[in-house]
Amino acid sequence: MKERNFRNINTNGVTLRTVVEGEGPLVILLHGWPQCWYLWRHQIDPLVEAGFQVAVPDQRGYGGSDAPEEIEAYDIIHLTGDVVGIADALGHATFTVVGHDWGSLVAWNTALLHEERVNAVVGMSIPYIRYPVGALTKQENYGDNFWYTVYFQQPGVAEAEFEANIRRSLRTIYASVSGSAPEGIFFNPKSSSSGFLDGLIDSEQQVLGLTEADLDYYVEQYQRSGFRGGLNWYRNFDRNMEITQQLQDKKILPPAFFIAGDKDIVLQFPGINLETMTQLVPNLKGQVMIEGAGHWVSVEYPQAVNEALLGFLKDFASPY
């Protein structure tokens, strides 16, 4: 693995281990679950070479960053505050924010809650959406069927399942929603009493975009942090809506861009609608669907992602 410049950035009451490289306008890259800064390993150098300073944190609860105990410490106000705090610590009045998965939700909401600080925003895999309170957290909405966001609500349950064998858990999660996964595997019906990993594929084959060395690094990070912090993000779904009611009809105004794999199972989730996003994000400058890519688009097809990302940034966040 290439040696990186890590800084411990104190922001918003926590310390975030952050890769900081390059000079120029700031681009902050935000990972999702279950990841860490390493998700962006193929994007850092191309962005630096294009003239940007790049900051890539382990977000709170992950990797080498602080993991507060309280569930409420992972709500969207804290998470977006962390992003602004990184920019402050690096001396930037404005920045561009790029997110994947949960990082996309943080990126979109940073553009809403701190609009004056955001030059441009890019979401990957998760379009901007606001779910009604209870939609993702109540079993009654899913009948007797398993749904993972409901399963994640009870503290300690998913943690115990995933931490019983961290390597197998990560390998299974990465494989089952990758572009190399059998079609529909994530949506195979199972009862509400099932575990998350039940019925998914534990692939001993190399997963698209993931080497054994990559998996080794992820396992090391989760042996360090555990899963509790990242799962607490899911336990704030309803709270996030309740504490940001002022955003209900607010539109994302900075220039925006969306990238996803055409095999990403998230695009089949209930309530996900790319047409709805265009109404909520009026300055959406484009959507790129990368053929053959699953959920981990930035590592599965990094060259295509970099071309799309840099093409957008040169027009709306360029250092030149």
Protein backbone atom coordinates (compact mmCIF):
# COMPACT_ATOMS: atom_id res chain seq x y z
CA MET A 1 0.00 0.00 0.00
CA LYS A 2 1.28 3.45 -0.87
CA GLU A 3 2.39 5.46 2.15
CA ARG A 4 -0.04 8.27 2.93
CA ASN A 5 0.19 11.51 4.87
CA PHE A 6 -2.12 11.03 7.88
CA ARG A 7 -3.15 13.89 10.13
CA ASN A 8 -5.23 13.72 13.28
CA ILE A 9 -7.72 16.56 12.85
CA ASN A 10 -9.60 17.80 15.90
CA THR A 11 -13.06 18.85 14.83
CA ASN A 12 -16.47 19.10 16.37
CA GLY A 13 -15.47 17.32 19.59
CA VAL A 14 -13.75 14.33 17.94
CA THR A 15 -10.39 13.52 16.41
CA LEU A 16 -10.54 12.21 12.86
CA ARG A 17 -7.65 10.35 11.27
CA THR A 18 -7.45 11.99 7.85
CA VAL A 19 -5.31 11.51 4.77
CA VAL A 20 -4.26 14.97 3.58
CA GLU A 21 -2.42 15.26 0.28
CA GLY A 22 -1.69 17.99 -2.25
CA GLU A 23 -2.26 21.72 -2.48
CA GLY A 24 -5.01 23.81 -4.02
CA PRO A 25 -8.79 24.02 -3.63
CA LEU A 26 -10.03 21.45 -1.12
CA VAL A 27 -11.88 18.26 -2.03
CA ILE A 28 -13.16 16.16 0.89
CA LEU A 29 -13.88 12.48 0.16
CA LEU A 30 -16.36 10.72 2.45
CA HIS A 31 -16.68 6.94 2.65
CA GLY A 32 -19.73 4.95 3.72
CA TRP A 33 -20.40 1.59 5.41
CA PRO A 34 -18.56 -0.68 6.00
CA GLN A 35 -15.54 1.18 4.72
CA CYS A 36 -12.87 3.68 5.83
CA TRP A 37 -10.65 6.22 4.08
CA TYR A 38 -9.19 3.36 2.00
CA LEU A 39 -12.28 3.29 -0.23
CA TRP A 40 -10.79 6.31 -2.05
CA ARG A 41 -7.33 4.83 -2.64
CA HIS A 42 -7.65 5.18 -6.43
CA GLN A 43 -8.97 8.76 -6.42
CA ILE A 44 -6.47 10.58 -4.18
CA ASP A 45 -3.50 10.84 -6.54
CA PRO A 46 -5.48 11.82 -9.68
CA LEU A 47 -7.14 14.62 -7.71
CA VAL A 48 -3.79 15.83 -6.35
CA GLU A 49 -2.31 15.72 -9.86
CA ALA A 50 -5.25 17.81 -11.08
CA GLY A 51 -4.32 20.58 -8.63
CA PHE A 52 -6.51 19.89 -5.59
CA GLN A 53 -5.81 19.40 -1.93
CA VAL A 54 -7.53 16.18 -0.89
CA ALA A 55 -8.74 15.31 2.62
CA VAL A 56 -9.97 11.76 3.23
CA PRO A 57 -11.12 11.07 6.79
CA ASP A 58 -12.04 7.93 8.56
CA GLN A 59 -15.43 9.32 9.51
CA ARG A 60 -16.42 9.20 13.18
CA GLY A 61 -16.85 5.62 14.36
CA TYR A 62 -14.47 4.19 11.79
CA GLY A 63 -10.83 3.12 11.54
CA GLY A 64 -8.42 5.39 13.36
CA SER A 65 -10.96 8.08 14.25
CA ASP A 66 -12.82 8.61 17.50
CA ALA A 67 -15.98 6.57 18.12
CA PRO A 68 -18.23 8.26 20.70
CA GLU A 69 -20.45 5.99 22.78
CA GLU A 70 -23.75 7.86 22.39
CA ILE A 71 -25.93 6.90 19.43
CA GLU A 72 -26.98 10.55 19.08
CA ALA A 73 -23.35 11.50 18.44
CA TYR A 74 -23.77 10.08 14.92
CA ASP A 75 -26.67 12.22 13.73
CA ILE A 76 -26.46 14.27 10.56
CA ILE A 77 -25.73 17.51 12.42
CA HIS A 78 -22.60 15.99 13.96
CA LEU A 79 -21.54 14.30 10.72
CA THR A 80 -21.83 17.41 8.55
CA GLY A 81 -20.19 19.44 11.31
CA ASP A 82 -17.19 17.11 11.10
CA VAL A 83 -16.84 17.88 7.39
CA VAL A 84 -16.88 21.63 7.91
CA GLY A 85 -14.42 21.22 10.77
CA ILE A 86 -11.95 19.46 8.46
CA ALA A 87 -12.10 22.41 6.06
CA ASP A 88 -11.62 24.83 8.95
CA ALA A 89 -8.61 22.90 10.24
CA LEU A 90 -7.01 23.00 6.80
CA GLY A 91 -7.70 26.72 6.35
CA HIS A 92 -10.33 26.58 3.61
CA ALA A 93 -13.39 28.83 3.57
CA THR A 94 -15.01 26.71 0.86
CA PHE A 95 -14.60 23.17 -0.41
CA THR A 96 -16.03 20.47 -2.67
CA VAL A 97 -17.50 17.41 -0.97
CA VAL A 98 -17.69 13.96 -2.56
CA GLY A 99 -19.43 11.04 -0.86
CA HIS A 100 -20.19 7.38 -1.43
CA ASP A 101 -22.97 5.37 0.25
CA TRP A 102 -23.54 6.95 3.71
CA GLY A 103 -20.86 9.44 2.73
CA SER A 104 -23.22 10.60 -0.03
CA LEU A 105 -25.93 11.32 2.52
CA VAL A 106 -23.43 13.37 4.51
CA ALA A 107 -22.26 15.15 1.36
CA TRP A 108 -25.80 16.04 0.23
CA ASN A 109 -26.70 17.29 3.69
CA THR A 110 -23.48 19.28 4.00
CA ALA A 111 -24.54 21.11 0.84
CA LEU A 112 -27.90 21.82 2.50
CA LEU A 113 -26.81 22.70 6.03
CA HIS A 114 -23.61 24.54 5.08
CA GLU A 115 -24.49 25.77 1.60
CA GLU A 116 -22.26 28.84 1.84
CA ARG A 117 -19.18 26.62 2.36
CA VAL A 118 -19.76 24.16 -0.51
CA ASN A 119 -18.41 24.88 -3.99
CA ALA A 120 -19.82 21.67 -5.46
CA VAL A 121 -21.15 18.30 -4.32
CA VAL A 122 -20.84 14.80 -5.77
CA GLY A 123 -22.84 11.78 -4.62
CA MET A 124 -21.97 8.22 -5.54
CA SER A 125 -24.43 5.31 -5.33
CA ILE A 126 -26.93 7.08 -3.05
CA PRO A 127 -29.03 9.85 -4.64
CA TYR A 128 -30.42 12.62 -2.48
CA ILE A 129 -33.62 11.51 -0.75
CA ARG A 130 -35.53 12.16 2.47
CA TYR A 131 -37.40 9.18 3.89
CA PRO A 132 -40.42 9.67 6.18
CA VAL A 133 -39.79 8.93 9.85
CA GLY A 134 -40.16 5.19 10.46
CA ALA A 135 -39.94 4.17 6.81
CA LEU A 136 -36.57 2.45 7.21
CA THR A 137 -36.75 1.46 10.87
CA LYS A 138 -40.13 -0.25 11.46
CA GLN A 139 -40.55 -3.98 10.77
CA GLU A 140 -44.25 -3.47 10.05
CA ASN A 141 -43.27 -1.81 6.76
CA TYR A 142 -41.66 -5.06 5.59
CA GLY A 143 -44.13 -7.68 6.83
CA ASP A 144 -42.32 -10.86 7.84
CA ASN A 145 -39.42 -10.12 5.52
CA PHE A 146 -35.91 -9.22 6.62
CA TRP A 147 -34.76 -5.67 5.92
CA TYR A 148 -31.27 -4.73 6.98
CA THR A 149 -31.94 -1.17 8.21
CA VAL A 150 -34.55 -2.54 10.64
CA TYR A 151 -32.10 -5.24 11.77
CA PHE A 152 -29.46 -2.60 12.45
CA GLN A 153 -31.67 -0.65 14.87
CA GLN A 154 -31.14 -2.85 17.94
CA PRO A 155 -27.75 -2.02 19.50
CA GLY A 156 -25.42 -4.98 19.80
CA VAL A 157 -27.23 -7.41 17.50
CA ALA A 158 -25.53 -6.69 14.18
CA GLU A 159 -22.27 -5.96 15.99
CA ALA A 160 -22.24 -9.48 17.42
CA GLU A 161 -22.95 -11.05 14.03
CA PHE A 162 -20.27 -9.10 12.16
CA GLU A 163 -17.57 -9.23 14.84
CA ALA A 164 -17.83 -13.00 15.27
CA ASN A 165 -15.65 -13.32 12.16
CA ILE A 166 -14.64 -9.93 10.81
CA ARG A 167 -12.87 -11.24 7.73
CA ARG A 168 -15.79 -13.40 6.66
CA SER A 169 -18.27 -10.60 7.37
CA LEU A 170 -16.44 -8.00 5.29
CA ARG A 171 -15.69 -10.45 2.49
CA THR A 172 -19.37 -11.41 2.33
CA ILE A 173 -20.65 -7.83 2.38
CA TYR A 174 -18.19 -6.65 -0.25
CA ALA A 175 -18.87 -9.64 -2.51
CA SER A 176 -22.65 -9.63 -2.25
CA VAL A 177 -23.19 -6.08 -3.52
CA SER A 178 -20.29 -5.90 -5.97
CA GLY A 179 -20.54 -5.88 -9.73
CA SER A 180 -19.33 -9.49 -9.71
CA ALA A 181 -22.20 -10.71 -7.49
CA PRO A 182 -24.96 -12.98 -8.84
CA GLU A 183 -27.93 -10.86 -9.84
CA GLY A 184 -30.55 -10.46 -7.11
CA ILE A 185 -28.57 -12.14 -4.33
CA PHE A 186 -29.12 -9.24 -1.91
CA PHE A 187 -32.89 -9.37 -2.40
CA ASN A 188 -33.39 -13.11 -1.94
CA PRO A 189 -36.31 -13.36 0.52
CA LYS A 190 -35.58 -14.36 4.10
CA SER A 191 -37.49 -14.09 7.35
CA SER A 192 -37.30 -11.14 9.71
CA SER A 193 -35.55 -13.41 12.24
CA SER A 194 -32.56 -13.88 9.89
CA GLY A 195 -29.13 -12.36 10.26
CA PHE A 196 -27.70 -9.91 7.75
CA LEU A 197 -25.21 -12.41 6.32
CA ASP A 198 -27.72 -15.26 5.93
CA GLY A 199 -28.16 -16.11 2.26
CA LEU A 200 -25.41 -13.82 1.00
CA ILE A 201 -22.30 -15.10 -0.76
CA ASP A 202 -19.05 -15.69 1.09
CA SER A 203 -16.88 -15.59 -1.99
CA GLU A 204 -13.42 -17.11 -1.87
CA GLN A 205 -13.03 -15.81 -5.41
CA GLN A 206 -11.49 -12.37 -5.87
CA VAL A 207 -14.20 -9.75 -5.68
CA LEU A 208 -14.22 -7.07 -8.37
CA GLY A 209 -11.88 -4.28 -7.23
CA LEU A 210 -10.79 -6.06 -4.02
CA THR A 211 -7.49 -7.89 -3.56
CA GLU A 212 -6.51 -10.04 -0.61
CA ALA A 213 -4.17 -7.24 0.47
CA ASP A 214 -7.10 -4.81 0.39
CA LEU A 215 -9.18 -7.16 2.51
CA ASP A 216 -6.29 -7.54 4.94
CA TYR A 217 -6.24 -3.77 5.44
CA TYR A 218 -9.99 -3.54 6.00
CA VAL A 219 -9.89 -6.38 8.52
CA GLU A 220 -7.14 -4.58 10.40
CA GLN A 221 -9.25 -1.41 10.55
CA TYR A 222 -12.35 -3.21 11.84
CA GLN A 223 -10.37 -5.16 14.39
CA ARG A 224 -9.38 -1.72 15.63
CA SER A 225 -12.76 0.04 15.53
CA GLY A 226 -15.39 -2.68 15.63
CA PHE A 227 -18.73 -2.11 13.91
CA ARG A 228 -20.65 -0.17 16.57
CA GLY A 229 -19.79 3.34 15.38
CA GLY A 230 -20.77 2.75 11.77
CA LEU A 231 -23.99 0.99 12.74
CA ASN A 232 -24.94 3.93 14.97
CA TRP A 233 -25.27 6.01 11.81
CA TYR A 234 -28.25 3.80 10.85
CA ARG A 235 -29.77 4.26 14.30
CA ASN A 236 -30.15 7.97 13.52
CA PHE A 237 -32.36 7.63 10.43
CA ASP A 238 -35.46 8.90 12.21
CA ARG A 239 -33.61 11.39 14.38
CA ASN A 240 -32.02 12.93 11.28
CA MET A 241 -35.44 13.68 9.83
CA GLU A 242 -36.77 15.03 13.12
CA ILE A 243 -33.90 17.45 13.71
CA THR A 244 -33.76 18.77 10.13
CA GLN A 245 -37.40 19.50 9.41
CA GLN A 246 -36.30 22.85 7.96
CA LEU A 247 -34.76 20.89 5.06
CA GLN A 248 -37.98 19.17 4.02
CA ASP A 249 -38.61 21.38 0.99
CA LYS A 250 -35.12 22.84 0.64
CA LYS A 251 -33.26 22.23 -2.61
CA ILE A 252 -29.55 21.54 -3.01
CA LEU A 253 -28.25 24.58 -4.89
CA PRO A 254 -24.47 24.12 -5.40
CA PRO A 255 -23.44 22.47 -8.67
CA ALA A 256 -23.96 18.74 -8.22
CA PHE A 257 -23.09 15.44 -9.89
CA PHE A 258 -24.09 11.79 -9.43
CA ILE A 259 -22.13 8.62 -10.22
CA ALA A 260 -23.24 5.02 -9.76
CA GLY A 261 -22.73 1.55 -11.15
CA ASP A 262 -25.49 0.25 -13.37
CA LYS A 263 -25.52 -2.96 -11.28
CA ASP A 264 -25.72 -1.15 -7.93
CA ILE A 265 -28.46 -2.83 -5.91
CA VAL A 266 -29.10 0.41 -3.98
CA LEU A 267 -30.80 1.83 -7.07
CA GLN A 268 -33.47 -0.87 -6.59
CA PHE A 269 -34.17 0.06 -2.96
CA PRO A 270 -37.66 1.27 -1.98
CA GLY A 271 -38.06 5.00 -2.48
CA ILE A 272 -34.92 5.46 -4.59
CA ASN A 273 -35.82 7.48 -7.66
CA LEU A 274 -33.30 9.32 -9.80
CA GLU A 275 -36.05 11.45 -11.33
CA THR A 276 -37.04 12.69 -7.88
CA MET A 277 -33.44 13.68 -7.25
CA THR A 278 -33.44 15.96 -10.29
CA GLN A 279 -36.32 17.90 -8.72
CA LEU A 280 -34.53 18.24 -5.38
CA VAL A 281 -31.15 19.03 -6.94
CA PRO A 282 -31.89 21.66 -9.63
CA ASN A 283 -28.21 22.27 -10.41
CA LEU A 284 -27.49 18.60 -11.07
CA LYS A 285 -25.02 18.81 -13.94
CA GLY A 286 -25.06 15.16 -14.86
CA GLN A 287 -25.53 11.53 -13.92
CA VAL A 288 -23.04 8.86 -14.96
CA MET A 289 -23.95 5.19 -14.79
CA ILE A 290 -20.87 3.00 -15.09
CA GLU A 291 -21.50 -0.25 -16.94
CA GLY A 292 -20.72 -3.40 -15.01
CA ALA A 293 -20.09 -1.66 -11.69
CA GLY A 294 -21.87 -2.62 -8.51
CA HIS A 295 -22.03 -0.71 -5.25
CA TRP A 296 -18.26 -0.22 -4.78
CA VAL A 297 -18.00 1.82 -7.95
CA SER A 298 -14.88 3.82 -7.04
CA VAL A 299 -12.74 0.69 -6.64
CA GLU A 300 -14.48 -1.53 -9.20
CA TYR A 301 -13.99 0.87 -12.11
CA PRO A 302 -11.65 3.58 -10.79
CA GLN A 303 -10.57 4.92 -14.18
CA ALA A 304 -14.16 5.53 -15.29
CA VAL A 305 -15.00 7.13 -11.93
CA ASN A 306 -11.93 9.38 -12.08
CA GLU A 307 -12.73 10.51 -15.61
CA ALA A 308 -16.30 11.40 -14.63
CA LEU A 309 -15.31 13.05 -11.37
CA LEU A 310 -12.48 15.13 -12.82
CA GLY A 311 -14.61 16.09 -15.80
CA PHE A 312 -17.16 17.59 -13.42
CA LEU A 313 -14.63 19.19 -11.09
CA LYS A 314 -12.69 20.95 -13.87
CA ASP A 315 -15.85 22.86 -14.76
CA PHE A 316 -17.19 23.61 -11.27
CA ALA A 317 -14.31 23.37 -8.78
CA SER A 318 -11.22 23.84 -10.90
CA PRO A 319 -8.03 25.30 -9.46
CA TYR A 320 -7.31 26.88 -12.83
